[in-house]
Protein backbone atom coordinates (compact mmCIF):
# COMPACT_ATOMS: atom_id res chain seq x y z
CA MET A 1 -4.92 28.18 -10.04
CA SER A 2 -6.77 25.03 -11.18
CA SER A 3 -5.88 21.50 -9.94
CA SER A 4 -4.56 20.81 -13.46
CA GLU A 5 -1.97 23.65 -12.93
CA ILE A 6 -0.52 22.01 -9.74
CA THR A 7 2.93 20.79 -10.25
CA PRO A 8 3.38 18.15 -7.49
CA GLU A 9 7.08 17.69 -7.96
CA LYS A 10 7.77 21.03 -6.48
CA TYR A 11 6.24 19.70 -3.11
CA ARG A 12 7.61 16.36 -2.96
CA HIS A 13 10.12 17.37 -0.17
CA ASP A 14 7.91 20.12 1.38
CA LEU A 15 8.18 18.87 5.08
CA GLU A 16 4.63 20.16 5.99
CA VAL A 17 3.13 18.28 2.83
CA VAL A 18 5.09 15.17 3.55
CA ARG A 19 4.05 15.05 7.11
CA ASN A 20 0.52 15.66 6.29
CA THR A 21 0.35 13.07 3.67
CA GLY A 22 1.68 10.64 6.16
CA ALA A 23 -1.07 11.61 8.70
CA GLN A 24 -3.62 11.28 5.98
CA VAL A 25 -2.57 7.86 5.27
CA ILE A 26 -2.49 6.83 8.91
CA LYS A 27 -5.88 8.34 9.49
CA ASP A 28 -7.51 6.78 6.56
CA PHE A 29 -6.11 3.34 6.94
CA GLY A 30 -6.63 3.50 10.80
CA MET A 31 -10.46 3.82 10.14
CA PHE A 32 -10.30 0.37 8.80
CA GLY A 33 -8.17 -1.09 11.76
CA VAL A 34 -4.94 -0.92 9.79
CA ASP A 35 -1.83 0.64 11.82
CA ILE A 36 0.48 2.57 9.54
CA SER A 37 3.49 4.36 11.10
CA PHE A 38 5.47 7.14 9.65
CA SER A 39 8.67 8.67 10.72
CA GLY A 40 8.15 12.17 9.06
CA ASN A 41 11.56 11.89 7.11
CA PRO A 42 10.89 13.51 3.73
CA GLU A 43 13.75 11.62 2.03
CA THR A 44 12.20 8.30 2.86
CA ALA A 45 8.57 9.15 3.10
CA TYR A 46 7.46 7.63 -0.22
CA ARG A 47 9.06 4.41 0.28
CA GLU A 48 8.09 4.09 3.90
CA LEU A 49 4.37 4.64 3.09
CA LEU A 50 4.60 2.27 0.19
CA HIS A 51 6.34 -0.47 2.22
CA GLN A 52 3.38 -0.46 4.59
CA THR A 53 0.42 0.25 2.43
CA GLU A 54 1.24 -2.46 -0.20
CA PRO A 55 0.76 -5.39 2.33
CA ALA A 56 -2.03 -3.62 4.27
CA LEU A 57 -3.92 -3.48 0.93
CA ALA A 58 -3.23 -6.97 0.11
CA LYS A 59 -4.45 -8.18 3.35
CA LEU A 60 -7.59 -6.03 3.17
CA TYR A 61 -8.30 -7.30 -0.26
CA ASN A 62 -7.99 -10.92 0.74
CA ASP A 63 -9.71 -10.65 4.18
CA ASN A 64 -12.45 -8.07 3.85
CA ARG A 65 -13.12 -6.89 0.38
CA THR A 66 -15.89 -4.61 1.58
CA SER A 67 -13.53 -2.73 3.82
CA PHE A 68 -10.86 -2.80 1.01
CA MET A 69 -13.32 -1.11 -1.34
CA ALA A 70 -14.44 1.21 1.40
CA LEU A 71 -10.98 2.34 2.08
CA LEU A 72 -10.38 3.00 -1.59
CA TYR A 73 -13.66 5.07 -1.78
CA ARG A 74 -12.48 7.02 1.33
CA ILE A 75 -9.16 7.80 -0.20
CA ASP A 76 -11.01 8.52 -3.56
CA VAL A 77 -9.38 5.85 -5.85
CA SER A 78 -12.15 5.02 -8.16
CA GLU A 79 -13.46 1.43 -8.79
CA LYS A 80 -12.66 2.06 -12.44
CA LYS A 81 -8.92 2.63 -11.60
CA VAL A 82 -8.74 -0.68 -9.39
CA ASN A 83 -10.30 -2.61 -12.26
CA GLU A 84 -7.89 -1.07 -14.71
CA LEU A 85 -5.09 -2.23 -12.57
CA ILE A 86 -6.38 -5.70 -11.98
CA GLY A 87 -6.64 -6.18 -15.64
CA ILE A 88 -3.12 -5.16 -16.46
CA GLU A 89 -1.14 -6.22 -13.59
CA LYS A 90 -0.55 -9.73 -11.92
CA LYS A 91 -1.44 -9.96 -8.31
CA PRO A 92 1.73 -9.05 -6.57
CA ALA A 93 2.49 -6.23 -8.99
CA PHE A 94 -1.28 -5.12 -8.63
CA PHE A 95 -0.75 -4.29 -4.92
CA ALA A 96 2.52 -2.55 -5.50
CA LYS A 97 0.99 -0.51 -8.33
CA LEU A 98 -2.24 0.10 -6.15
CA ALA A 99 -0.04 1.29 -3.15
CA GLU A 100 1.56 3.82 -5.54
CA VAL A 101 -1.96 5.16 -6.57
CA VAL A 102 -3.08 5.30 -3.01
CA VAL A 103 -0.03 7.24 -1.81
CA GLU A 104 -0.03 9.58 -4.66
CA ARG A 105 -3.88 10.22 -4.25
CA GLU A 106 -3.27 10.95 -0.52
CA PHE A 107 -0.38 13.18 -1.41
CA MET A 108 -2.38 15.17 -3.96
CA LYS A 109 -5.36 15.52 -1.58
CA VAL A 110 -2.99 17.21 1.12
CA LEU A 111 -1.36 19.28 -1.72
CA ILE A 112 -4.77 20.55 -2.95
CA ARG A 113 -5.83 21.58 0.77
CA LYS A 114 -2.75 23.28 1.24
CA LEU A 115 -2.83 25.56 -1.99
CA PHE A 116 -6.42 26.16 -1.87
CA SER A 117 -6.92 26.77 1.85
CA ALA A 118 -4.83 29.92 1.89
């Protein structure tokens, strides 16, 4: 199975994937001094993580651009993608959209590890 054949929707409510995604977000943001908490509830996971990552990204962007870019590099969000979002989004919408990209990327990393580590 190639990564292009993965259907993420099938795993959106998989408790293991949801919890591991939360743990991955907590770990990656924590490396840059940002505390993220997560209940582990698969029904609210996506909103919960977005609600916390959006202001965290904005704060890092405004306070420490180097850490902001290092975090995105660690998560594997390309500078090209960030520049695309900056070009098409106004600042408040930029951070909301970037938070979506970040959480989705973290989810995909967890899912790929799950599917290819067996």
